[in-house]
C-alpha atoms as a PDB file:
ATOM      1  CA  MET A   1    -219.161-140.584 -44.091  1.00  0.00           C
ATOM      2  CA  LEU A   2    -215.450-139.833 -43.918  1.00  0.00           C
ATOM      3  CA  SER A   3    -216.137-136.127 -43.450  1.00  0.00           C
ATOM      4  CA  ARG A   4    -218.428-136.903 -40.489  1.00  0.00           C
ATOM      5  CA  LEU A   5    -215.730-139.021 -38.905  1.00  0.00           C
ATOM      6  CA  ILE A   6    -213.140-136.289 -39.346  1.00  0.00           C
ATOM      7  CA  CYS A   7    -215.579-133.714 -37.975  1.00  0.00           C
ATOM      8  CA  CYS A   8    -216.290-135.878 -34.907  1.00  0.00           C
ATOM      9  CA  LEU A   9    -212.580-136.437 -34.298  1.00  0.00           C
ATOM     10  CA  PHE A  10    -211.918-132.711 -34.587  1.00  0.00           C
ATOM     11  CA  ILE A  11    -214.683-131.916 -32.083  1.00  0.00           C
ATOM     12  CA  MET A  12    -213.453-134.567 -29.656  1.00  0.00           C
ATOM     13  CA  LEU A  13    -209.898-133.278 -29.926  1.00  0.00           C
ATOM     14  CA  SER A  14    -210.940-129.694 -29.297  1.00  0.00           C
ATOM     15  CA  LEU A  15    -213.060-130.750 -26.319  1.00  0.00           C
ATOM     16  CA  SER A  16    -210.173-132.693 -24.815  1.00  0.00           C
ATOM     17  CA  VAL A  17    -207.856-129.702 -25.235  1.00  0.00           C
ATOM     18  CA  THR A  18    -210.449-127.428 -23.629  1.00  0.00           C
ATOM     19  CA  ALA A  19    -211.015-129.889 -20.793  1.00  0.00           C
ATOM     20  CA  SER A  20    -207.289-130.242 -20.186  1.00  0.00           C
ATOM     21  CA  ASN A  21    -206.959-126.521 -19.620  1.00  0.00           C
ATOM     22  CA  ASN A  22    -209.490-126.724 -16.801  1.00  0.00           C
ATOM     23  CA  VAL A  23    -207.236-128.705 -14.473  1.00  0.00           C
ATOM     24  CA  ASP A  24    -207.558-127.548 -10.882  1.00  0.00           C
ATOM     25  CA  LEU A  25    -203.822-127.290 -10.359  1.00  0.00           C
ATOM     26  CA  GLU A  26    -204.054-126.498  -6.668  1.00  0.00           C
ATOM     27  CA  ALA A  27    -206.157-129.593  -5.947  1.00  0.00           C
ATOM     28  CA  THR A  28    -203.926-131.723  -8.161  1.00  0.00           C
ATOM     29  CA  MET A  29    -200.815-130.528  -6.345  1.00  0.00           C
ATOM     30  CA  LYS A  30    -202.397-131.232  -2.948  1.00  0.00           C
ATOM     31  CA  ASN A  31    -203.271-134.745  -4.112  1.00  0.00           C
ATOM     32  CA  MET A  32    -199.705-135.159  -5.368  1.00  0.00           C
ATOM     33  CA  GLY A  33    -198.371-134.131  -1.959  1.00  0.00           C
ATOM     34  CA  LEU A  34    -200.641-136.627  -0.232  1.00  0.00           C
ATOM     35  CA  ALA A  35    -199.664-139.452  -2.596  1.00  0.00           C
ATOM     36  CA  LEU A  36    -195.991-138.648  -2.070  1.00  0.00           C
ATOM     37  CA  LYS A  37    -196.423-138.696   1.706  1.00  0.00           C
ATOM     38  CA  GLN A  38    -198.272-142.014   1.568  1.00  0.00           C
ATOM     39  CA  ALA A  39    -195.621-143.539  -0.694  1.00  0.00           C
ATOM     40  CA  ARG A  40    -192.826-142.424   1.627  1.00  0.00           C
ATOM     41  CA  GLU A  41    -194.639-143.815   4.676  1.00  0.00           C
ATOM     42  CA  ALA A  42    -195.586-147.161   3.103  1.00  0.00           C
ATOM     43  CA  ALA A  43    -194.275-150.188   4.944  1.00  0.00           C
ATOM     44  CA  THR A  44    -192.931-151.935   1.837  1.00  0.00           C
ATOM     45  CA  PRO A  45    -192.073-151.002  -1.732  1.00  0.00           C
ATOM     46  CA  TYR A  46    -195.043-153.059  -2.897  1.00  0.00           C
ATOM     47  CA  ALA A  47    -197.357-151.074  -0.624  1.00  0.00           C
ATOM     48  CA  ALA A  48    -195.870-147.838  -1.989  1.00  0.00           C
ATOM     49  CA  LYS A  49    -196.362-148.784  -5.635  1.00  0.00           C
ATOM     50  CA  PRO A  50    -200.043-147.716  -5.925  1.00  0.00           C
ATOM     51  CA  TYR A  51    -199.147-144.294  -4.545  1.00  0.00           C
ATOM     52  CA  VAL A  52    -196.240-143.950  -6.978  1.00  0.00           C
ATOM     53  CA  VAL A  53    -198.582-144.875  -9.829  1.00  0.00           C
ATOM     54  CA  GLN A  54    -201.134-142.324  -8.588  1.00  0.00           C
ATOM     55  CA  LEU A  55    -198.403-139.711  -8.311  1.00  0.00           C
ATOM     56  CA  THR A  56    -197.316-140.440 -11.879  1.00  0.00           C
ATOM     57  CA  GLU A  57    -200.882-140.007 -13.133  1.00  0.00           C
ATOM     58  CA  LEU A  58    -201.334-136.770 -11.190  1.00  0.00           C
ATOM     59  CA  THR A  59    -198.057-135.434 -12.576  1.00  0.00           C
ATOM     60  CA  ALA A  60    -199.246-136.114 -16.118  1.00  0.00           C
ATOM     61  CA  GLN A  61    -202.521-134.374 -15.288  1.00  0.00           C
ATOM     62  CA  ALA A  62    -200.681-131.363 -13.847  1.00  0.00           C
ATOM     63  CA  LYS A  63    -198.695-130.994 -17.066  1.00  0.00           C
ATOM     64  CA  THR A  64    -201.938-130.265 -18.939  1.00  0.00           C
ATOM     65  CA  ALA A  65    -202.787-127.280 -16.740  1.00  0.00           C
ATOM     66  CA  ARG A  66    -202.482-123.690 -17.904  1.00  0.00           C
ATOM     67  CA  PHE A  67    -199.458-121.958 -16.467  1.00  0.00           C
ATOM     68  CA  PRO A  68    -198.535-118.279 -16.529  1.00  0.00           C
ATOM     69  CA  ASP A  69    -196.596-117.593 -19.720  1.00  0.00           C
ATOM     70  CA  ASP A  70    -193.499-116.426 -17.863  1.00  0.00           C
ATOM     71  CA  LYS A  71    -193.342-119.573 -15.691  1.00  0.00           C
ATOM     72  CA  ALA A  72    -194.722-122.278 -18.005  1.00  0.00           C
ATOM     73  CA  GLN A  73    -191.327-123.494 -19.208  1.00  0.00           C
ATOM     74  CA  THR A  74    -189.979-123.707 -15.657  1.00  0.00           C
ATOM     75  CA  TYR A  75    -193.004-125.608 -14.332  1.00  0.00           C
ATOM     76  CA  LEU A  76    -193.051-128.071 -17.219  1.00  0.00           C
ATOM     77  CA  GLU A  77    -189.331-128.656 -16.760  1.00  0.00           C
ATOM     78  CA  GLY A  78    -189.949-129.486 -13.111  1.00  0.00           C
ATOM     79  CA  LEU A  79    -192.857-131.795 -13.869  1.00  0.00           C
ATOM     80  CA  ASN A  80    -190.757-133.608 -16.479  1.00  0.00           C
ATOM     81  CA  LYS A  81    -188.005-134.119 -13.894  1.00  0.00           C
ATOM     82  CA  VAL A  82    -190.579-135.448 -11.434  1.00  0.00           C
ATOM     83  CA  GLN A  83    -191.876-137.888 -14.059  1.00  0.00           C
ATOM     84  CA  LEU A  84    -188.375-139.209 -14.747  1.00  0.00           C
ATOM     85  CA  THR A  85    -187.715-139.646 -11.046  1.00  0.00           C
ATOM     86  CA  LEU A  86    -191.050-141.389 -10.582  1.00  0.00           C
ATOM     87  CA  GLN A  87    -190.081-143.867 -13.309  1.00  0.00           C
ATOM     88  CA  SER A  88    -187.038-144.760 -11.207  1.00  0.00           C
ATOM     89  CA  ALA A  89    -189.238-145.031  -8.124  1.00  0.00           C
ATOM     90  CA  LEU A  90    -191.638-147.341  -9.941  1.00  0.00           C
ATOM     91  CA  LEU A  91    -188.786-149.591 -11.091  1.00  0.00           C
ATOM     92  CA  ALA A  92    -187.464-149.715  -7.523  1.00  0.00           C
ATOM     93  CA  ALA A  93    -190.929-150.554  -6.180  1.00  0.00           C
ATOM     94  CA  ASP A  94    -191.317-153.325  -8.760  1.00  0.00           C
ATOM     95  CA  ALA A  95    -187.917-154.721  -7.774  1.00  0.00           C
ATOM     96  CA  GLY A  96    -188.746-154.471  -4.069  1.00  0.00           C
ATOM     97  CA  ASN A  97    -185.748-152.178  -3.496  1.00  0.00           C
ATOM     98  CA  ASN A  98    -186.846-149.933  -0.646  1.00  0.00           C
ATOM     99  CA  GLU A  99    -183.553-148.013  -0.501  1.00  0.00           C
ATOM    100  CA  LYS A 100    -183.699-146.905  -4.149  1.00  0.00           C
ATOM    101  CA  LEU A 101    -187.415-146.194  -3.807  1.00  0.00           C
ATOM    102  CA  GLN A 102    -186.880-143.928  -0.814  1.00  0.00           C
ATOM    103  CA  LEU A 103    -184.007-142.129  -2.575  1.00  0.00           C
ATOM    104  CA  ALA A 104    -186.201-141.484  -5.618  1.00  0.00           C
ATOM    105  CA  LEU A 105    -189.081-140.266  -3.454  1.00  0.00           C
ATOM    106  CA  ALA A 106    -186.712-137.987  -1.534  1.00  0.00           C
ATOM    107  CA  GLU A 107    -185.590-136.541  -4.868  1.00  0.00           C
ATOM    108  CA  VAL A 108    -189.223-135.917  -5.805  1.00  0.00           C
ATOM    109  CA  GLU A 109    -189.643-134.087  -2.499  1.00  0.00           C
ATOM    110  CA  GLN A 110    -186.587-131.933  -3.242  1.00  0.00           C
ATOM    111  CA  LEU A 111    -187.927-131.119  -6.705  1.00  0.00           C
ATOM    112  CA  ARG A 112    -191.297-130.247  -5.179  1.00  0.00           C
ATOM    113  CA  ARG A 113    -189.706-127.813  -2.758  1.00  0.00           C
ATOM    114  CA  TYR A 114    -187.488-126.220  -5.382  1.00  0.00           C
ATOM    115  CA  TYR A 115    -190.237-125.665  -7.944  1.00  0.00           C
ATOM    116  CA  HIS A 116    -192.697-124.435  -5.340  1.00  0.00           C
ATOM    117  CA  LYS A 117    -190.199-121.683  -4.509  1.00  0.00           C
ATOM    118  CA  GLN A 118    -190.218-120.711  -8.205  1.00  0.00           C
ATOM    119  CA  ARG A 119    -193.937-120.097  -7.890  1.00  0.00           C
ATOM    120  CA  LYS A 120    -193.650-117.255  -5.407  1.00  0.00           C
ATOM    121  CA  VAL A 121    -194.515-113.787  -6.644  1.00  0.00           C
ATOM    122  CA  SER A 122    -192.464-110.803  -5.563  1.00  0.00           C
ATOM    123  CA  PHE A 123    -193.931-107.705  -3.936  1.00  0.00           C
ATOM    124  CA  TRP A 124    -193.138-105.686  -7.064  1.00  0.00           C
ATOM    125  CA  GLN A 125    -194.963-108.154  -9.288  1.00  0.00           C
ATOM    126  CA  LEU A 126    -198.025-107.842  -7.091  1.00  0.00           C
ATOM    127  CA  LEU A 127    -197.793-104.085  -7.103  1.00  0.00           C
ATOM    128  CA  PHE A 128    -197.142-103.540 -10.806  1.00  0.00           C
ATOM    129  CA  GLY A 129    -198.644-106.707 -12.278  1.00  0.00           C
ATOM    130  CA  LYS A 130    -195.590-108.117 -14.081  1.00  0.00           C
END
Protein backbone atom coordinates (compact mmCIF):
# COMPACT_ATOMS: atom_id res chain seq x y z
CA MET A 1 0.00 0.00 0.00
CA LEU A 2 2.75 2.43 0.97
CA SER A 3 4.76 1.51 -2.12
CA ARG A 4 1.74 2.28 -4.34
CA LEU A 5 1.34 5.66 -2.70
CA ILE A 6 5.01 6.48 -3.19
CA CYS A 7 4.83 5.29 -6.79
CA CYS A 8 1.77 7.48 -7.46
CA LEU A 9 3.44 10.50 -5.87
CA PHE A 10 6.56 9.93 -7.94
CA ILE A 11 4.52 9.72 -11.16
CA MET A 12 2.54 12.84 -10.28
CA LEU A 13 5.73 14.73 -9.48
CA SER A 14 7.38 13.72 -12.74
CA LEU A 15 4.26 14.67 -14.70
CA SER A 16 4.13 18.09 -13.05
CA VAL A 17 7.81 18.68 -13.85
CA THR A 18 7.23 17.62 -17.45
CA ALA A 19 4.14 19.81 -17.72
CA SER A 20 5.96 22.79 -16.26
CA ASN A 21 8.57 22.62 -18.98
CA ASN A 22 5.86 23.00 -21.61
CA VAL A 23 5.02 26.59 -20.69
CA ASP A 24 4.34 28.70 -23.76
CA LEU A 25 6.63 31.50 -22.66
CA GLU A 26 5.72 33.82 -25.50
CA ALA A 27 1.99 33.61 -24.73
CA THR A 28 2.67 33.96 -21.01
CA MET A 29 4.76 37.07 -21.58
CA LYS A 30 2.07 38.60 -23.81
CA ASN A 31 -0.51 37.94 -21.10
CA MET A 32 1.84 39.50 -18.55
CA GLY A 33 2.16 42.60 -20.72
CA LEU A 34 -1.61 42.87 -21.02
CA ALA A 35 -2.14 42.43 -17.27
CA LEU A 36 0.49 45.07 -16.57
CA LYS A 37 -1.17 47.50 -18.98
CA GLN A 38 -4.59 46.89 -17.43
CA ALA A 39 -3.21 47.35 -13.91
CA ARG A 40 -1.55 50.63 -14.87
CA GLU A 41 -4.74 51.91 -16.52
CA ALA A 42 -7.10 50.87 -13.71
CA ALA A 43 -9.08 53.71 -12.20
CA THR A 44 -8.37 52.75 -8.58
CA PRO A 45 -5.90 50.56 -6.71
CA TYR A 46 -8.75 48.20 -5.89
CA ALA A 47 -9.60 47.86 -9.58
CA ALA A 48 -5.92 47.18 -10.33
CA LYS A 49 -5.58 44.44 -7.71
CA PRO A 50 -6.98 41.56 -9.83
CA TYR A 51 -4.53 42.41 -12.60
CA VAL A 52 -1.62 42.53 -10.14
CA VAL A 53 -2.69 39.13 -8.80
CA GLN A 54 -2.91 37.78 -12.37
CA LEU A 55 0.50 39.23 -13.14
CA THR A 56 1.94 37.55 -10.05
CA GLU A 57 0.51 34.19 -11.11
CA LEU A 58 1.80 34.59 -14.67
CA THR A 59 5.25 35.49 -13.35
CA ALA A 60 5.32 32.31 -11.28
CA GLN A 61 4.23 30.35 -14.35
CA ALA A 62 6.96 31.96 -16.47
CA LYS A 63 9.59 30.90 -13.95
CA THR A 64 8.79 27.24 -14.71
CA ALA A 65 9.57 27.62 -18.41
CA ARG A 66 12.70 26.21 -20.02
CA PHE A 67 15.25 28.88 -20.77
CA PRO A 68 18.43 28.66 -22.84
CA ASP A 69 21.25 27.52 -20.57
CA ASP A 70 23.30 30.65 -21.15
CA LYS A 71 20.41 32.99 -20.25
CA ALA A 72 18.49 30.99 -17.61
CA GLN A 73 20.16 32.65 -14.62
CA THR A 74 19.56 36.13 -16.03
CA TYR A 75 15.89 35.48 -16.82
CA LEU A 76 15.17 33.91 -13.44
CA GLU A 77 16.88 36.83 -11.73
CA GLY A 78 14.60 39.21 -13.61
CA LEU A 79 11.47 37.23 -12.83
CA ASN A 80 12.42 37.15 -9.14
CA LYS A 81 12.83 40.94 -9.17
CA VAL A 82 9.43 41.27 -10.84
CA GLN A 83 7.86 39.05 -8.16
CA LEU A 84 9.33 41.17 -5.36
CA THR A 85 8.10 44.35 -7.00
CA LEU A 86 4.66 42.84 -7.51
CA GLN A 87 4.50 42.06 -3.79
CA SER A 88 4.98 45.78 -3.14
CA ALA A 89 2.33 46.59 -5.74
CA LEU A 90 -0.11 44.19 -4.11
CA LEU A 91 0.47 45.74 -0.68
CA ALA A 92 -0.08 49.20 -2.16
CA ALA A 93 -3.28 48.04 -3.87
CA ASP A 94 -4.54 46.53 -0.61
CA ALA A 95 -3.79 49.79 1.19
CA GLY A 96 -5.45 51.84 -1.54
CA ASN A 97 -2.21 53.75 -2.17
CA ASN A 98 -2.33 54.58 -5.86
CA GLU A 99 0.99 56.46 -5.85
CA LYS A 100 2.99 53.51 -4.48
CA LEU A 101 1.08 51.14 -6.75
CA GLN A 102 1.93 53.15 -9.85
CA LEU A 103 5.59 53.41 -8.80
CA ALA A 104 5.79 49.64 -8.35
CA LEU A 105 4.10 49.02 -11.70
CA ALA A 106 6.46 51.48 -13.38
CA GLU A 107 9.37 49.52 -11.89
CA VAL A 108 7.91 46.31 -13.31
CA GLU A 109 7.75 48.00 -16.70
CA GLN A 110 11.40 49.04 -16.42
CA LEU A 111 12.40 45.49 -15.47
CA ARG A 112 10.39 44.16 -18.41
CA ARG A 113 12.21 46.43 -20.84
CA TYR A 114 15.63 45.68 -19.40
CA TYR A 115 15.25 41.90 -19.42
CA HIS A 116 13.67 41.87 -22.86
CA LYS A 117 16.84 43.54 -24.16
CA GLN A 118 18.84 40.67 -22.62
CA ARG A 119 16.87 38.29 -24.81
CA LYS A 120 18.15 39.65 -28.10
CA VAL A 121 20.50 37.45 -30.08
CA SER A 122 23.46 38.95 -31.88
CA PHE A 123 24.15 38.47 -35.58
CA TRP A 124 27.18 36.33 -34.75
CA GLN A 125 25.13 34.05 -32.52
CA LEU A 126 22.68 33.53 -35.35
CA LEU A 127 25.46 32.87 -37.79
CA PHE A 128 27.58 30.53 -35.67
CA GLY A 129 24.96 29.16 -33.28
CA LYS A 130 26.49 30.19 -29.95
